[in-house]
């Protein structure tokens, strides 16, 4: 799921896929603001056919954490 999310993330912030790691933090490393993050999550729900719990999303800090959460939802 992490590899699927990398190009998805690049649609919202200006960063190269090669610079994204599982430890990349949304705000600090990837440059997301709160609007971009919420927009990305909404689009991810549609793209991956999942429903994201807002409290989990609010506590997710890294792309790796989000990928793990998406994997759990898809299982």
Protein backbone atom coordinates (compact mmCIF):
# COMPACT_ATOMS: atom_id res chain seq x y z
CA UNK A 1 0.00 0.00 0.00
CA UNK A 2 2.89 2.36 0.72
CA UNK A 3 4.05 2.19 -2.91
CA UNK A 4 0.49 2.91 -4.11
CA UNK A 5 0.29 5.95 -1.84
CA UNK A 6 3.54 7.58 -2.96
CA UNK A 7 2.29 8.77 -6.38
CA UNK A 8 -1.05 9.63 -4.79
CA UNK A 9 0.70 11.92 -2.29
CA UNK A 10 2.60 13.65 -5.09
CA UNK A 11 -0.69 14.87 -6.51
CA UNK A 12 -1.14 17.10 -3.45
CA UNK A 13 2.33 18.36 -2.61
CA UNK A 14 5.41 19.15 -4.65
CA UNK A 15 7.81 16.39 -3.73
CA UNK A 16 9.53 13.65 -5.69
CA UNK A 17 8.44 10.06 -5.05
CA UNK A 18 12.06 9.14 -4.44
CA UNK A 19 12.13 11.48 -1.42
CA UNK A 20 9.14 9.80 0.27
CA UNK A 21 9.79 7.17 2.92
CA UNK A 22 7.47 5.36 5.34
CA UNK A 23 8.80 7.69 8.05
CA UNK A 24 7.88 10.83 6.08
CA UNK A 25 5.71 13.06 8.25
CA UNK A 26 2.83 14.76 6.47
CA UNK A 27 3.33 18.33 7.66
CA UNK A 28 6.99 18.47 8.55
CA UNK A 29 8.52 16.40 5.73
CA UNK A 30 5.98 16.36 2.92
CA UNK A 31 4.64 19.91 3.29
CA UNK A 32 0.96 19.12 3.74
CA UNK A 33 -1.28 21.75 5.27
CA UNK A 34 -4.51 20.67 6.95
CA UNK A 35 -6.64 21.37 3.87
CA UNK A 36 -4.37 19.32 1.59
CA UNK A 37 -4.34 16.46 4.10
CA UNK A 38 -8.13 16.34 4.43
CA UNK A 39 -8.55 16.59 0.65
CA UNK A 40 -6.10 13.74 0.14
CA UNK A 41 -7.91 11.55 2.66
CA UNK A 42 -11.26 12.19 1.00
CA UNK A 43 -9.88 11.31 -2.40
CA UNK A 44 -8.13 8.25 -0.94
CA UNK A 45 -11.48 7.00 0.37
CA UNK A 46 -12.81 7.10 -3.19
CA UNK A 47 -9.65 5.77 -4.85
CA UNK A 48 -9.16 2.80 -2.52
CA UNK A 49 -12.85 2.22 -1.66
CA UNK A 50 -12.36 2.59 2.09
CA UNK A 51 -13.88 4.68 4.89
CA UNK A 52 -11.39 6.48 7.10
CA UNK A 53 -12.13 7.03 10.79
CA UNK A 54 -11.56 10.74 11.52
CA UNK A 55 -9.96 10.10 14.90
CA UNK A 56 -7.46 7.68 13.39
CA UNK A 57 -6.69 10.10 10.56
CA UNK A 58 -6.11 12.92 13.05
CA UNK A 59 -3.55 10.85 14.95
CA UNK A 60 -1.72 9.60 11.84
CA UNK A 61 1.59 11.39 11.47
CA UNK A 62 3.57 9.42 8.85
CA UNK A 63 2.85 7.95 5.46
CA UNK A 64 3.87 4.53 6.78
CA UNK A 65 1.23 4.73 9.51
CA UNK A 66 -1.39 5.70 6.95
CA UNK A 67 -0.37 2.84 4.64
CA UNK A 68 -0.67 0.35 7.50
CA UNK A 69 -4.10 1.73 8.43
CA UNK A 70 -5.28 1.47 4.81
CA UNK A 71 -4.05 -2.13 4.65
CA UNK A 72 -6.09 -2.94 7.77
CA UNK A 73 -9.19 -1.33 6.26
CA UNK A 74 -8.79 -3.21 3.00
CA UNK A 75 -8.37 -6.59 4.71
